Structures are given as structure tokens and as C-alpha cells.
Amino acid sequence: MLSIIGFKHKNNVKNYKEYEDKLIDATKAYLNVHRSYPNKGSSISINIKELISEEFIDKKDVVKGCSGTIIVKYDKFIDYLPNLKCKYYKSIKK
């Protein structure tokens, strides 16, 4: 029984990670269209609701019960950091 629960948990985490990847792709597209990358040494935050309302991510791809932002940080490179808050999952900040 415990291994089934562990397997289910691992699959759920995988699904959230795939969702984070979709959000990162949508954020990259959003930034390309709006030409609104952060300046070097700073960061910006893009809300998932904004990605949905501007159709960078399809409503059918949204994981129910999740909200959050994608933080776009520019130091030496541009990093995309999903910040998801879901009922059973929370992103790990890097």
C-alpha cells in the first residue's frame, strides 16, 4: 500500500513539474511579445492569471487549485523560477 501511495505522489510531482515547464514556456513567449525582460541585476514577476488572460497558456492546461507566478530573474543569465502554490504541492525556490 505504501509503495502505491509513493508512486502516486511521484507521478503527481511529475505532473506539477510538467506544468511548471509549460508555465516557463508561456512566460518566455509572453516576454518576447511584450519585450519586457528585466534589467540586469533585477527580476520581474508574471502572474499565471495574466498568462491565461492573454492566452499564452490554455485554460485546459491549468492545474486546478494552483495559483502563483513565474519570477524572471536576470543576473548573469535569465532564470525562470516557477512559484506555484497548489493544494498538495508548492514549488521549491532555487
PDB file of N, CA and C in Angstrom:
ATOM      1  N   MET A   1       0.825  -1.199   0.000  1.00  0.00           N
ATOM      2  CA  MET A   1       0.000   0.000   0.000  1.00  0.00           C
ATOM      3  C   MET A   1       0.866   1.258   0.000  1.00  0.00           C
ATOM      4  N   LEU A   2       1.912   1.258   0.803  1.00  0.00           N
ATOM      5  CA  LEU A   2       2.782   2.426   0.882  1.00  0.00           C
ATOM      6  C   LEU A   2       3.459   2.706  -0.449  1.00  0.00           C
ATOM      7  N   SER A   3       3.869   1.656  -1.172  1.00  0.00           N
ATOM      8  CA  SER A   3       4.526   1.867  -2.465  1.00  0.00           C
ATOM      9  C   SER A   3       3.557   2.458  -3.485  1.00  0.00           C
ATOM     10  N   ILE A   4       2.283   2.114  -3.406  1.00  0.00           N
ATOM     11  CA  ILE A   4       1.283   2.695  -4.301  1.00  0.00           C
ATOM     12  C   ILE A   4       1.132   4.178  -4.013  1.00  0.00           C
ATOM     13  N   ILE A   5       1.097   4.540  -2.755  1.00  0.00           N
ATOM     14  CA  ILE A   5       0.993   5.947  -2.367  1.00  0.00           C
ATOM     15  C   ILE A   5       2.238   6.699  -2.833  1.00  0.00           C
ATOM     16  N   GLY A   6       3.413   6.113  -2.640  1.00  0.00           N
ATOM     17  CA  GLY A   6       4.651   6.738  -3.088  1.00  0.00           C
ATOM     18  C   GLY A   6       4.674   6.920  -4.590  1.00  0.00           C
ATOM     19  N   PHE A   7       4.205   5.926  -5.336  1.00  0.00           N
ATOM     20  CA  PHE A   7       4.150   6.009  -6.788  1.00  0.00           C
ATOM     21  C   PHE A   7       3.199   7.115  -7.228  1.00  0.00           C
ATOM     22  N   LYS A   8       2.030   7.194  -6.589  1.00  0.00           N
ATOM     23  CA  LYS A   8       1.060   8.237  -6.912  1.00  0.00           C
ATOM     24  C   LYS A   8       1.646   9.620  -6.632  1.00  0.00           C
ATOM     25  N   HIS A   9       2.328   9.770  -5.491  1.00  0.00           N
ATOM     26  CA  HIS A   9       2.933  11.048  -5.127  1.00  0.00           C
ATOM     27  C   HIS A   9       3.990  11.437  -6.157  1.00  0.00           C
ATOM     28  N   LYS A  10       4.819  10.479  -6.567  1.00  0.00           N
ATOM     29  CA  LYS A  10       5.872  10.748  -7.548  1.00  0.00           C
ATOM     30  C   LYS A  10       5.256  11.190  -8.873  1.00  0.00           C
ATOM     31  N   ASN A  11       4.185  10.536  -9.303  1.00  0.00           N
ATOM     32  CA  ASN A  11       3.508  10.931 -10.541  1.00  0.00           C
ATOM     33  C   ASN A  11       2.890  12.315 -10.425  1.00  0.00           C
ATOM     34  N   ASN A  12       2.300  12.639  -9.261  1.00  0.00           N
ATOM     35  CA  ASN A  12       1.726  13.964  -9.058  1.00  0.00           C
ATOM     36  C   ASN A  12       2.793  15.039  -9.136  1.00  0.00           C
ATOM     37  N   VAL A  13       3.941  14.806  -8.513  1.00  0.00           N
ATOM     38  CA  VAL A  13       5.040  15.770  -8.559  1.00  0.00           C
ATOM     39  C   VAL A  13       5.506  15.939  -9.998  1.00  0.00           C
ATOM     40  N   LYS A  14       5.583  14.829 -10.741  1.00  0.00           N
ATOM     41  CA  LYS A  14       5.980  14.895 -12.149  1.00  0.00           C
ATOM     42  C   LYS A  14       5.000  15.770 -12.928  1.00  0.00           C
ATOM     43  N   ASN A  15       3.695  15.612 -12.670  1.00  0.00           N
ATOM     44  CA  ASN A  15       2.689  16.432 -13.343  1.00  0.00           C
ATOM     45  C   ASN A  15       2.855  17.912 -13.013  1.00  0.00           C
ATOM     46  N   TYR A  16       3.160  18.226 -11.759  1.00  0.00           N
ATOM     47  CA  TYR A  16       3.383  19.623 -11.379  1.00  0.00           C
ATOM     48  C   TYR A  16       4.639  20.170 -12.049  1.00  0.00           C
ATOM     49  N   LYS A  17       5.679  19.360 -12.133  1.00  0.00           N
ATOM     50  CA  LYS A  17       6.916  19.786 -12.805  1.00  0.00           C
ATOM     51  C   LYS A  17       6.648  20.049 -14.284  1.00  0.00           C
ATOM     52  N   GLU A  18       5.848  19.209 -14.920  1.00  0.00           N
ATOM     53  CA  GLU A  18       5.481  19.423 -16.324  1.00  0.00           C
ATOM     54  C   GLU A  18       4.680  20.717 -16.461  1.00  0.00           C
ATOM     55  N   TYR A  19       3.814  20.986 -15.506  1.00  0.00           N
ATOM     56  CA  TYR A  19       3.038  22.228 -15.510  1.00  0.00           C
ATOM     57  C   TYR A  19       3.968  23.426 -15.366  1.00  0.00           C
ATOM     58  N   GLU A  20       4.937  23.327 -14.472  1.00  0.00           N
ATOM     59  CA  GLU A  20       5.916  24.405 -14.315  1.00  0.00           C
ATOM     60  C   GLU A  20       6.655  24.649 -15.630  1.00  0.00           C
ATOM     61  N   ASP A  21       7.021  23.590 -16.331  1.00  0.00           N
ATOM     62  CA  ASP A  21       7.700  23.732 -17.625  1.00  0.00           C
ATOM     63  C   ASP A  21       6.808  24.449 -18.641  1.00  0.00           C
ATOM     64  N   LYS A  22       5.523  24.120 -18.668  1.00  0.00           N
ATOM     65  CA  LYS A  22       4.583  24.800 -19.567  1.00  0.00           C
ATOM     66  C   LYS A  22       4.482  26.286 -19.220  1.00  0.00           C
ATOM     67  N   LEU A  23       4.466  26.576 -17.927  1.00  0.00           N
ATOM     68  CA  LEU A  23       4.385  27.970 -17.493  1.00  0.00           C
ATOM     69  C   LEU A  23       5.641  28.747 -17.887  1.00  0.00           C
ATOM     70  N   ILE A  24       6.793  28.102 -17.784  1.00  0.00           N
ATOM     71  CA  ILE A  24       8.040  28.753 -18.197  1.00  0.00           C
ATOM     72  C   ILE A  24       8.004  29.049 -19.697  1.00  0.00           C
ATOM     73  N   ASP A  25       7.569  28.089 -20.497  1.00  0.00           N
ATOM     74  CA  ASP A  25       7.458  28.307 -21.950  1.00  0.00           C
ATOM     75  C   ASP A  25       6.490  29.448 -22.254  1.00  0.00           C
ATOM     76  N   ALA A  26       5.369  29.480 -21.559  1.00  0.00           N
ATOM     77  CA  ALA A  26       4.383  30.546 -21.758  1.00  0.00           C
ATOM     78  C   ALA A  26       4.964  31.905 -21.359  1.00  0.00           C
ATOM     79  N   THR A  27       5.745  31.925 -20.290  1.00  0.00           N
ATOM     80  CA  THR A  27       6.369  33.166 -19.831  1.00  0.00           C
ATOM     81  C   THR A  27       7.388  33.672 -20.850  1.00  0.00           C
ATOM     82  N   LYS A  28       8.169  32.777 -21.417  1.00  0.00           N
ATOM     83  CA  LYS A  28       9.136  33.174 -22.453  1.00  0.00           C
ATOM     84  C   LYS A  28       8.418  33.795 -23.643  1.00  0.00           C
ATOM     85  N   ALA A  29       7.316  33.184 -24.066  1.00  0.00           N
ATOM     86  CA  ALA A  29       6.535  33.722 -25.179  1.00  0.00           C
ATOM     87  C   ALA A  29       5.965  35.093 -24.820  1.00  0.00           C
ATOM     88  N   TYR A  30       5.443  35.209 -23.613  1.00  0.00           N
ATOM     89  CA  TYR A  30       4.889  36.478 -23.122  1.00  0.00           C
ATOM     90  C   TYR A  30       5.943  37.583 -23.168  1.00  0.00           C
ATOM     91  N   LEU A  31       7.124  37.286 -22.667  1.00  0.00           N
ATOM     92  CA  LEU A  31       8.187  38.288 -22.630  1.00  0.00           C
ATOM     93  C   LEU A  31       8.650  38.663 -24.037  1.00  0.00           C
ATOM     94  N   ASN A  32       8.695  37.714 -24.944  1.00  0.00           N
ATOM     95  CA  ASN A  32       9.069  38.012 -26.325  1.00  0.00           C
ATOM     96  C   ASN A  32       8.066  38.949 -26.987  1.00  0.00           C
ATOM     97  N   VAL A  33       6.790  38.706 -26.750  1.00  0.00           N
ATOM     98  CA  VAL A  33       5.747  39.547 -27.343  1.00  0.00           C
ATOM     99  C   VAL A  33       5.768  40.947 -26.730  1.00  0.00           C
ATOM    100  N   HIS A  34       5.881  41.027 -25.409  1.00  0.00           N
ATOM    101  CA  HIS A  34       5.809  42.310 -24.710  1.00  0.00           C
ATOM    102  C   HIS A  34       7.162  43.028 -24.610  1.00  0.00           C
ATOM    103  N   ARG A  35       8.230  42.329 -24.959  1.00  0.00           N
ATOM    104  CA  ARG A  35       9.592  42.907 -24.867  1.00  0.00           C
ATOM    105  C   ARG A  35       9.824  43.528 -23.490  1.00  0.00           C
ATOM    106  N   SER A  36       9.507  42.753 -22.472  1.00  0.00           N
ATOM    107  CA  SER A  36       9.571  43.286 -21.108  1.00  0.00           C
ATOM    108  C   SER A  36      10.481  42.456 -20.202  1.00  0.00           C
ATOM    109  N   TYR A  37      11.674  42.139 -20.682  1.00  0.00           N
ATOM    110  CA  TYR A  37      12.633  41.396 -19.859  1.00  0.00           C
ATOM    111  C   TYR A  37      13.150  42.292 -18.735  1.00  0.00           C
ATOM    112  N   PRO A  38      13.531  41.698 -17.612  1.00  0.00           N
ATOM    113  CA  PRO A  38      14.076  42.514 -16.518  1.00  0.00           C
ATOM    114  C   PRO A  38      15.459  43.057 -16.883  1.00  0.00           C
ATOM    115  N   ASN A  39      15.815  44.157 -16.262  1.00  0.00           N
ATOM    116  CA  ASN A  39      17.163  44.701 -16.413  1.00  0.00           C
ATOM    117  C   ASN A  39      18.146  43.825 -15.657  1.00  0.00           C
ATOM    118  N   LYS A  40      19.397  43.878 -16.055  1.00  0.00           N
ATOM    119  CA  LYS A  40      20.413  43.084 -15.378  1.00  0.00           C
ATOM    120  C   LYS A  40      20.454  43.446 -13.890  1.00  0.00           C
ATOM    121  N   GLY A  41      20.477  42.412 -13.057  1.00  0.00           N
ATOM    122  CA  GLY A  41      20.503  42.618 -11.611  1.00  0.00           C
ATOM    123  C   GLY A  41      19.135  42.746 -10.976  1.00  0.00           C
ATOM    124  N   SER A  42      18.078  42.578 -11.771  1.00  0.00           N
ATOM    125  CA  SER A  42      16.733  42.700 -11.198  1.00  0.00           C
ATOM    126  C   SER A  42      15.867  41.518 -11.623  1.00  0.00           C
ATOM    127  N   SER A  43      14.625  41.545 -11.168  1.00  0.00           N
ATOM    128  CA  SER A  43      13.682  40.479 -11.515  1.00  0.00           C
ATOM    129  C   SER A  43      12.295  41.073 -11.703  1.00  0.00           C
ATOM    130  N   ILE A  44      11.466  40.321 -12.404  1.00  0.00           N
ATOM    131  CA  ILE A  44      10.053  40.678 -12.555  1.00  0.00           C
ATOM    132  C   ILE A  44       9.222  39.432 -12.270  1.00  0.00           C
ATOM    133  N   SER A  45       7.962  39.632 -12.028  1.00  0.00           N
ATOM    134  CA  SER A  45       7.070  38.530 -11.704  1.00  0.00           C
ATOM    135  C   SER A  45       5.877  38.562 -12.660  1.00  0.00           C
ATOM    136  N   ILE A  46       5.591  37.420 -13.282  1.00  0.00           N
ATOM    137  CA  ILE A  46       4.459  37.302 -14.193  1.00  0.00           C
ATOM    138  C   ILE A  46       3.437  36.365 -13.541  1.00  0.00           C
ATOM    139  N   ASN A  47       2.227  36.852 -13.355  1.00  0.00           N
ATOM    140  CA  ASN A  47       1.180  36.070 -12.721  1.00  0.00           C
ATOM    141  C   ASN A  47       0.581  35.066 -13.704  1.00  0.00           C
ATOM    142  N   ILE A  48       0.267  33.882 -13.222  1.00  0.00           N
ATOM    143  CA  ILE A  48      -0.341  32.850 -14.067  1.00  0.00           C
ATOM    144  C   ILE A  48      -1.653  33.354 -14.669  1.00  0.00           C
ATOM    145  N   LYS A  49      -2.422  34.125 -13.910  1.00  0.00           N
ATOM    146  CA  LYS A  49      -3.689  34.666 -14.412  1.00  0.00           C
ATOM    147  C   LYS A  49      -3.463  35.536 -15.651  1.00  0.00           C
ATOM    148  N   GLU A  50      -2.366  36.279 -15.652  1.00  0.00           N
ATOM    149  CA  GLU A  50      -2.045  37.134 -16.798  1.00  0.00           C
ATOM    150  C   GLU A  50      -1.700  36.285 -18.026  1.00  0.00           C
ATOM    151  N   LEU A  51      -0.965  35.195 -17.807  1.00  0.00           N
ATOM    152  CA  LEU A  51      -0.629  34.293 -18.914  1.00  0.00           C
ATOM    153  C   LEU A  51      -1.890  33.674 -19.513  1.00  0.00           C
ATOM    154  N   ILE A  52      -2.856  33.377 -18.658  1.00  0.00           N
ATOM    155  CA  ILE A  52      -4.125  32.802 -19.124  1.00  0.00           C
ATOM    156  C   ILE A  52      -4.950  33.859 -19.855  1.00  0.00           C
ATOM    157  N   SER A  53      -5.097  35.031 -19.251  1.00  0.00           N
ATOM    158  CA  SER A  53      -5.946  36.072 -19.850  1.00  0.00           C
ATOM    159  C   SER A  53      -5.412  36.542 -21.196  1.00  0.00           C
ATOM    160  N   GLU A  54      -4.098  36.500 -21.384  1.00  0.00           N
ATOM    161  CA  GLU A  54      -3.524  36.907 -22.665  1.00  0.00           C
ATOM    162  C   GLU A  54      -3.280  35.709 -23.589  1.00  0.00           C
ATOM    163  N   GLU A  55      -3.809  34.566 -23.188  1.00  0.00           N
ATOM    164  CA  GLU A  55      -3.808  33.332 -23.986  1.00  0.00           C
ATOM    165  C   GLU A  55      -2.413  32.800 -24.321  1.00  0.00           C
ATOM    166  N   PHE A  56      -1.479  32.965 -23.388  1.00  0.00           N
ATOM    167  CA  PHE A  56      -0.160  32.350 -23.545  1.00  0.00           C
ATOM    168  C   PHE A  56      -0.166  30.925 -23.005  1.00  0.00           C
ATOM    169  N   ILE A  57      -1.174  30.640 -22.193  1.00  0.00           N
ATOM    170  CA  ILE A  57      -1.398  29.265 -21.735  1.00  0.00           C
ATOM    171  C   ILE A  57      -2.901  29.001 -21.811  1.00  0.00           C
ATOM    172  N   ASP A  58      -3.246  27.842 -22.300  1.00  0.00           N
ATOM    173  CA  ASP A  58      -4.640  27.475 -22.491  1.00  0.00           C
ATOM    174  C   ASP A  58      -5.271  27.120 -21.146  1.00  0.00           C
ATOM    175  N   LYS A  59      -6.506  27.526 -20.954  1.00  0.00           N
ATOM    176  CA  LYS A  59      -7.217  27.225 -19.703  1.00  0.00           C
ATOM    177  C   LYS A  59      -7.263  25.727 -19.419  1.00  0.00           C
ATOM    178  N   LYS A  60      -7.320  24.906 -20.467  1.00  0.00           N
ATOM    179  CA  LYS A  60      -7.378  23.454 -20.261  1.00  0.00           C
ATOM    180  C   LYS A  60      -6.063  22.899 -19.707  1.00  0.00           C
ATOM    181  N   ASP A  61      -4.967  23.654 -19.852  1.00  0.00           N
ATOM    182  CA  ASP A  61      -3.671  23.217 -19.332  1.00  0.00           C
ATOM    183  C   ASP A  61      -3.429  23.644 -17.887  1.00  0.00           C
ATOM    184  N   VAL A  62      -4.316  24.461 -17.347  1.00  0.00           N
ATOM    185  CA  VAL A  62      -4.155  24.966 -15.987  1.00  0.00           C
ATOM    186  C   VAL A  62      -4.494  23.863 -14.993  1.00  0.00           C
ATOM    187  N   VAL A  63      -3.633  23.682 -14.006  1.00  0.00           N
ATOM    188  CA  VAL A  63      -3.875  22.684 -12.966  1.00  0.00           C
ATOM    189  C   VAL A  63      -4.821  23.299 -11.933  1.00  0.00           C
ATOM    190  N   LYS A  64      -5.957  22.645 -11.761  1.00  0.00           N
ATOM    191  CA  LYS A  64      -6.990  23.134 -10.839  1.00  0.00           C
ATOM    192  C   LYS A  64      -6.416  23.238  -9.420  1.00  0.00           C
ATOM    193  N   GLY A  65      -6.741  24.336  -8.772  1.00  0.00           N
ATOM    194  CA  GLY A  65      -6.307  24.536  -7.390  1.00  0.00           C
ATOM    195  C   GLY A  65      -4.914  25.131  -7.252  1.00  0.00           C
ATOM    196  N   CYS A  66      -4.319  25.550  -8.373  1.00  0.00           N
ATOM    197  CA  CYS A  66      -2.981  26.149  -8.326  1.00  0.00           C
ATOM    198  C   CYS A  66      -3.046  27.629  -8.682  1.00  0.00           C
ATOM    199  N   SER A  67      -2.218  28.392  -8.028  1.00  0.00           N
ATOM    200  CA  SER A  67      -2.043  29.801  -8.354  1.00  0.00           C
ATOM    201  C   SER A  67      -0.555  30.096  -8.233  1.00  0.00           C
ATOM    202  N   GLY A  68      -0.171  31.284  -8.622  1.00  0.00           N
ATOM    203  CA  GLY A  68       1.223  31.641  -8.452  1.00  0.00           C
ATOM    204  C   GLY A  68       1.755  32.539  -9.544  1.00  0.00           C
ATOM    205  N   THR A  69       3.070  32.618  -9.588  1.00  0.00           N
ATOM    206  CA  THR A  69       3.774  33.487 -10.516  1.00  0.00           C
ATOM    207  C   THR A  69       4.998  32.774 -11.071  1.00  0.00           C
ATOM    208  N   ILE A  70       5.546  33.357 -12.119  1.00  0.00           N
ATOM    209  CA  ILE A  70       6.847  32.938 -12.620  1.00  0.00           C
ATOM    210  C   ILE A  70       7.758  34.135 -12.401  1.00  0.00           C
ATOM    211  N   ILE A  71       8.802  33.949 -11.631  1.00  0.00           N
ATOM    212  CA  ILE A  71       9.765  35.019 -11.390  1.00  0.00           C
ATOM    213  C   ILE A  71      10.846  34.915 -12.455  1.00  0.00           C
ATOM    214  N   VAL A  72      11.082  36.023 -13.130  1.00  0.00           N
ATOM    215  CA  VAL A  72      12.111  36.087 -14.160  1.00  0.00           C
ATOM    216  C   VAL A  72      13.232  36.945 -13.602  1.00  0.00           C
ATOM    217  N   LYS A  73      14.366  36.316 -13.397  1.00  0.00           N
ATOM    218  CA  LYS A  73      15.495  36.943 -12.718  1.00  0.00           C
ATOM    219  C   LYS A  73      16.677  37.028 -13.684  1.00  0.00           C
ATOM    220  N   TYR A  74      17.310  38.200 -13.740  1.00  0.00           N
ATOM    221  CA  TYR A  74      18.433  38.391 -14.653  1.00  0.00           C
ATOM    222  C   TYR A  74      19.676  38.792 -13.862  1.00  0.00           C
ATOM    223  N   ASP A  75      20.579  37.841 -13.684  1.00  0.00           N
ATOM    224  CA  ASP A  75      21.893  38.123 -13.100  1.00  0.00           C
ATOM    225  C   ASP A  75      22.897  37.967 -14.235  1.00  0.00           C
ATOM    226  N   LYS A  76      23.622  36.862 -14.266  1.00  0.00           N
ATOM    227  CA  LYS A  76      24.492  36.584 -15.412  1.00  0.00           C
ATOM    228  C   LYS A  76      23.670  36.039 -16.569  1.00  0.00           C
ATOM    229  N   PHE A  77      22.654  35.266 -16.223  1.00  0.00           N
ATOM    230  CA  PHE A  77      21.744  34.665 -17.189  1.00  0.00           C
ATOM    231  C   PHE A  77      20.322  34.961 -16.763  1.00  0.00           C
ATOM    232  N   ILE A  78      19.386  34.725 -17.656  1.00  0.00           N
ATOM    233  CA  ILE A  78      17.975  34.879 -17.298  1.00  0.00           C
ATOM    234  C   ILE A  78      17.476  33.547 -16.754  1.00  0.00           C
ATOM    235  N   ASP A  79      16.953  33.570 -15.543  1.00  0.00           N
ATOM    236  CA  ASP A  79      16.381  32.385 -14.889  1.00  0.00           C
ATOM    237  C   ASP A  79      14.873  32.547 -14.775  1.00  0.00           C
ATOM    238  N   TYR A  80      14.183  31.437 -14.947  1.00  0.00           N
ATOM    239  CA  TYR A  80      12.724  31.398 -14.811  1.00  0.00           C
ATOM    240  C   TYR A  80      12.406  30.520 -13.607  1.00  0.00           C
ATOM    241  N   LEU A  81      11.816  31.107 -12.594  1.00  0.00           N
ATOM    242  CA  LEU A  81      11.569  30.398 -11.345  1.00  0.00           C
ATOM    243  C   LEU A  81      10.073  30.312 -11.059  1.00  0.00           C
ATOM    244  N   PRO A  82       9.468  29.158 -11.317  1.00  0.00           N
ATOM    245  CA  PRO A  82       8.047  28.992 -11.006  1.00  0.00           C
ATOM    246  C   PRO A  82       7.806  29.079  -9.497  1.00  0.00           C
ATOM    247  N   ASN A  83       6.767  29.746  -9.145  1.00  0.00           N
ATOM    248  CA  ASN A  83       6.383  29.892  -7.743  1.00  0.00           C
ATOM    249  C   ASN A  83       4.912  29.468  -7.619  1.00  0.00           C
ATOM    250  N   LEU A  84       4.700  28.145  -7.681  1.00  0.00           N
ATOM    251  CA  LEU A  84       3.349  27.588  -7.627  1.00  0.00           C
ATOM    252  C   LEU A  84       2.904  27.336  -6.197  1.00  0.00           C
ATOM    253  N   LYS A  85       1.639  27.590  -5.962  1.00  0.00           N
ATOM    254  CA  LYS A  85       1.015  27.243  -4.686  1.00  0.00           C
ATOM    255  C   LYS A  85      -0.246  26.475  -5.019  1.00  0.00           C
ATOM    256  N   CYS A  86      -0.213  25.191  -4.735  1.00  0.00           N
ATOM    257  CA  CYS A  86      -1.342  24.317  -5.029  1.00  0.00           C
ATOM    258  C   CYS A  86      -1.803  23.647  -3.732  1.00  0.00           C
ATOM    259  N   LYS A  87      -2.925  22.989  -3.819  1.00  0.00           N
ATOM    260  CA  LYS A  87      -3.470  22.324  -2.638  1.00  0.00           C
ATOM    261  C   LYS A  87      -2.493  21.290  -2.077  1.00  0.00           C
ATOM    262  N   TYR A  88      -1.847  20.510  -2.955  1.00  0.00           N
ATOM    263  CA  TYR A  88      -0.970  19.449  -2.494  1.00  0.00           C
ATOM    264  C   TYR A  88       0.483  19.612  -2.963  1.00  0.00           C
ATOM    265  N   TYR A  89       0.839  20.802  -3.430  1.00  0.00           N
ATOM    266  CA  TYR A  89       2.177  20.994  -3.970  1.00  0.00           C
ATOM    267  C   TYR A  89       2.581  22.460  -3.843  1.00  0.00           C
ATOM    268  N   LYS A  90       3.845  22.696  -3.594  1.00  0.00           N
ATOM    269  CA  LYS A  90       4.388  24.046  -3.565  1.00  0.00           C
ATOM    270  C   LYS A  90       5.756  23.979  -4.226  1.00  0.00           C
ATOM    271  N   SER A  91       6.034  24.930  -5.115  1.00  0.00           N
ATOM    272  CA  SER A  91       7.329  24.951  -5.812  1.00  0.00           C
ATOM    273  C   SER A  91       8.456  25.125  -4.808  1.00  0.00           C
ATOM    274  N   ILE A  92       9.573  24.538  -5.147  1.00  0.00           N
ATOM    275  CA  ILE A  92      10.789  24.695  -4.355  1.00  0.00           C
ATOM    276  C   ILE A  92      11.573  25.849  -4.962  1.00  0.00           C
ATOM    277  N   LYS A  93      11.830  26.866  -4.151  1.00  0.00           N
ATOM    278  CA  LYS A  93      12.589  28.019  -4.667  1.00  0.00           C
ATOM    279  C   LYS A  93      14.055  27.634  -4.828  1.00  0.00           C
ATOM    280  N   LYS A  94      14.604  28.076  -5.942  1.00  0.00           N
ATOM    281  CA  LYS A  94      16.010  27.763  -6.254  1.00  0.00           C
ATOM    282  C   LYS A  94      16.918  28.907  -5.908  1.00  0.00           C
TER     283      LYS A  94
END
